[in-house]
Amino acid sequence: MMSLNRVCLNCGSASLVSDRSLGGKIVCSKCGSSSFRKKSYSFFNKKKLIILAIALAIFLIFI
Protein backbone atom coordinates (compact mmCIF):
# COMPACT_ATOMS: atom_id res chain seq x y z
CA MET A 1 0.00 0.00 0.00
CA MET A 2 1.42 3.36 -1.01
CA SER A 3 0.95 6.39 1.20
CA LEU A 4 1.43 9.09 -1.41
CA ASN A 5 -1.03 11.87 -2.15
CA ARG A 6 -2.44 10.33 -5.33
CA VAL A 7 -5.97 9.24 -6.22
CA CYS A 8 -7.40 7.05 -8.98
CA LEU A 9 -9.05 8.88 -11.88
CA ASN A 10 -11.70 6.17 -12.34
CA CYS A 11 -13.00 5.54 -8.82
CA GLY A 12 -11.35 8.24 -6.69
CA SER A 13 -9.74 5.73 -4.35
CA ALA A 14 -6.43 6.52 -2.68
CA SER A 15 -5.41 2.86 -2.30
CA LEU A 16 -2.77 2.40 -4.99
CA VAL A 17 -0.41 -0.58 -5.13
CA SER A 18 2.63 -1.52 -7.17
CA ASP A 19 1.68 -4.51 -9.35
CA ARG A 20 4.59 -6.95 -9.69
CA SER A 21 3.13 -8.66 -12.75
CA LEU A 22 3.18 -5.35 -14.64
CA GLY A 23 6.79 -4.59 -13.79
CA GLY A 24 6.05 -2.47 -10.73
CA LYS A 25 3.50 -0.23 -12.42
CA ILE A 26 1.25 1.60 -9.96
CA VAL A 27 -2.40 0.50 -10.20
CA CYS A 28 -5.54 1.09 -8.16
CA SER A 29 -6.29 -1.79 -5.79
CA LYS A 30 -10.07 -1.24 -6.09
CA CYS A 31 -10.66 -0.95 -9.85
CA GLY A 32 -7.30 -1.93 -11.40
CA SER A 33 -6.83 1.29 -13.36
CA SER A 34 -3.34 2.65 -13.89
CA SER A 35 -4.40 6.28 -14.33
CA PHE A 36 -4.09 8.50 -11.29
CA ARG A 37 -3.53 12.13 -10.33
CA LYS A 38 -2.28 14.06 -7.33
CA LYS A 39 -4.77 15.09 -4.66
CA SER A 40 -5.75 18.72 -4.79
CA TYR A 41 -5.82 20.57 -1.49
CA SER A 42 -7.14 23.79 -2.98
CA PHE A 43 -10.00 25.51 -1.13
CA PHE A 44 -11.87 26.24 -4.32
CA ASN A 45 -12.19 22.77 -5.81
CA LYS A 46 -15.27 22.12 -7.95
CA LYS A 47 -17.59 20.78 -5.26
CA LYS A 48 -16.92 23.57 -2.78
CA LEU A 49 -17.16 26.20 -5.50
CA ILE A 50 -20.60 24.92 -6.58
CA ILE A 51 -21.85 24.88 -2.97
CA LEU A 52 -20.53 28.40 -2.43
CA ALA A 53 -22.25 29.63 -5.61
CA ILE A 54 -25.59 28.07 -4.60
CA ALA A 55 -25.37 29.54 -1.09
CA LEU A 56 -24.56 32.97 -2.51
CA ALA A 57 -27.49 32.77 -4.96
CA ILE A 58 -29.90 31.80 -2.17
CA PHE A 59 -28.58 34.63 0.01
CA LEU A 60 -29.08 37.17 -2.80
CA ILE A 61 -32.63 35.94 -3.47
CA PHE A 62 -33.65 36.54 0.17
CA ILE A 63 -32.23 40.07 0.21
C-alpha atoms as a PDB file:
ATOM      1  CA  MET A   1       0.000   0.000   0.000  1.00  0.00           C
ATOM      2  CA  MET A   2       1.421   3.361  -1.005  1.00  0.00           C
ATOM      3  CA  SER A   3       0.948   6.386   1.199  1.00  0.00           C
ATOM      4  CA  LEU A   4       1.425   9.092  -1.414  1.00  0.00           C
ATOM      5  CA  ASN A   5      -1.025  11.867  -2.147  1.00  0.00           C
ATOM      6  CA  ARG A   6      -2.443  10.333  -5.329  1.00  0.00           C
ATOM      7  CA  VAL A   7      -5.970   9.237  -6.222  1.00  0.00           C
ATOM      8  CA  CYS A   8      -7.397   7.045  -8.976  1.00  0.00           C
ATOM      9  CA  LEU A   9      -9.047   8.881 -11.878  1.00  0.00           C
ATOM     10  CA  ASN A  10     -11.700   6.169 -12.339  1.00  0.00           C
ATOM     11  CA  CYS A  11     -12.997   5.535  -8.824  1.00  0.00           C
ATOM     12  CA  GLY A  12     -11.345   8.241  -6.695  1.00  0.00           C
ATOM     13  CA  SER A  13      -9.743   5.731  -4.346  1.00  0.00           C
ATOM     14  CA  ALA A  14      -6.427   6.520  -2.683  1.00  0.00           C
ATOM     15  CA  SER A  15      -5.406   2.862  -2.299  1.00  0.00           C
ATOM     16  CA  LEU A  16      -2.771   2.397  -4.993  1.00  0.00           C
ATOM     17  CA  VAL A  17      -0.407  -0.575  -5.132  1.00  0.00           C
ATOM     18  CA  SER A  18       2.630  -1.516  -7.172  1.00  0.00           C
ATOM     19  CA  ASP A  19       1.685  -4.513  -9.352  1.00  0.00           C
ATOM     20  CA  ARG A  20       4.591  -6.950  -9.695  1.00  0.00           C
ATOM     21  CA  SER A  21       3.131  -8.663 -12.755  1.00  0.00           C
ATOM     22  CA  LEU A  22       3.175  -5.351 -14.638  1.00  0.00           C
ATOM     23  CA  GLY A  23       6.788  -4.587 -13.787  1.00  0.00           C
ATOM     24  CA  GLY A  24       6.053  -2.469 -10.729  1.00  0.00           C
ATOM     25  CA  LYS A  25       3.498  -0.231 -12.421  1.00  0.00           C
ATOM     26  CA  ILE A  26       1.249   1.602  -9.964  1.00  0.00           C
ATOM     27  CA  VAL A  27      -2.403   0.502 -10.196  1.00  0.00           C
ATOM     28  CA  CYS A  28      -5.541   1.086  -8.160  1.00  0.00           C
ATOM     29  CA  SER A  29      -6.289  -1.794  -5.794  1.00  0.00           C
ATOM     30  CA  LYS A  30     -10.066  -1.240  -6.089  1.00  0.00           C
ATOM     31  CA  CYS A  31     -10.658  -0.948  -9.855  1.00  0.00           C
ATOM     32  CA  GLY A  32      -7.298  -1.931 -11.404  1.00  0.00           C
ATOM     33  CA  SER A  33      -6.829   1.287 -13.357  1.00  0.00           C
ATOM     34  CA  SER A  34      -3.337   2.653 -13.891  1.00  0.00           C
ATOM     35  CA  SER A  35      -4.400   6.282 -14.333  1.00  0.00           C
ATOM     36  CA  PHE A  36      -4.094   8.500 -11.287  1.00  0.00           C
ATOM     37  CA  ARG A  37      -3.533  12.126 -10.325  1.00  0.00           C
ATOM     38  CA  LYS A  38      -2.285  14.059  -7.332  1.00  0.00           C
ATOM     39  CA  LYS A  39      -4.765  15.093  -4.660  1.00  0.00           C
ATOM     40  CA  SER A  40      -5.754  18.721  -4.794  1.00  0.00           C
ATOM     41  CA  TYR A  41      -5.823  20.570  -1.493  1.00  0.00           C
ATOM     42  CA  SER A  42      -7.144  23.794  -2.981  1.00  0.00           C
ATOM     43  CA  PHE A  43     -10.000  25.510  -1.128  1.00  0.00           C
ATOM     44  CA  PHE A  44     -11.869  26.241  -4.324  1.00  0.00           C
ATOM     45  CA  ASN A  45     -12.193  22.767  -5.808  1.00  0.00           C
ATOM     46  CA  LYS A  46     -15.268  22.124  -7.953  1.00  0.00           C
ATOM     47  CA  LYS A  47     -17.588  20.776  -5.260  1.00  0.00           C
ATOM     48  CA  LYS A  48     -16.920  23.571  -2.775  1.00  0.00           C
ATOM     49  CA  LEU A  49     -17.163  26.196  -5.503  1.00  0.00           C
ATOM     50  CA  ILE A  50     -20.604  24.922  -6.576  1.00  0.00           C
ATOM     51  CA  ILE A  51     -21.852  24.876  -2.971  1.00  0.00           C
ATOM     52  CA  LEU A  52     -20.532  28.400  -2.432  1.00  0.00           C
ATOM     53  CA  ALA A  53     -22.253  29.635  -5.614  1.00  0.00           C
ATOM     54  CA  ILE A  54     -25.590  28.069  -4.604  1.00  0.00           C
ATOM     55  CA  ALA A  55     -25.367  29.540  -1.095  1.00  0.00           C
ATOM     56  CA  LEU A  56     -24.559  32.971  -2.511  1.00  0.00           C
ATOM     57  CA  ALA A  57     -27.487  32.772  -4.956  1.00  0.00           C
ATOM     58  CA  ILE A  58     -29.902  31.798  -2.168  1.00  0.00           C
ATOM     59  CA  PHE A  59     -28.579  34.627   0.007  1.00  0.00           C
ATOM     60  CA  LEU A  60     -29.079  37.168  -2.799  1.00  0.00           C
ATOM     61  CA  ILE A  61     -32.628  35.940  -3.466  1.00  0.00           C
ATOM     62  CA  PHE A  62     -33.645  36.539   0.167  1.00  0.00           C
ATOM     63  CA  ILE A  63     -32.227  40.074   0.215  1.00  0.00           C
END
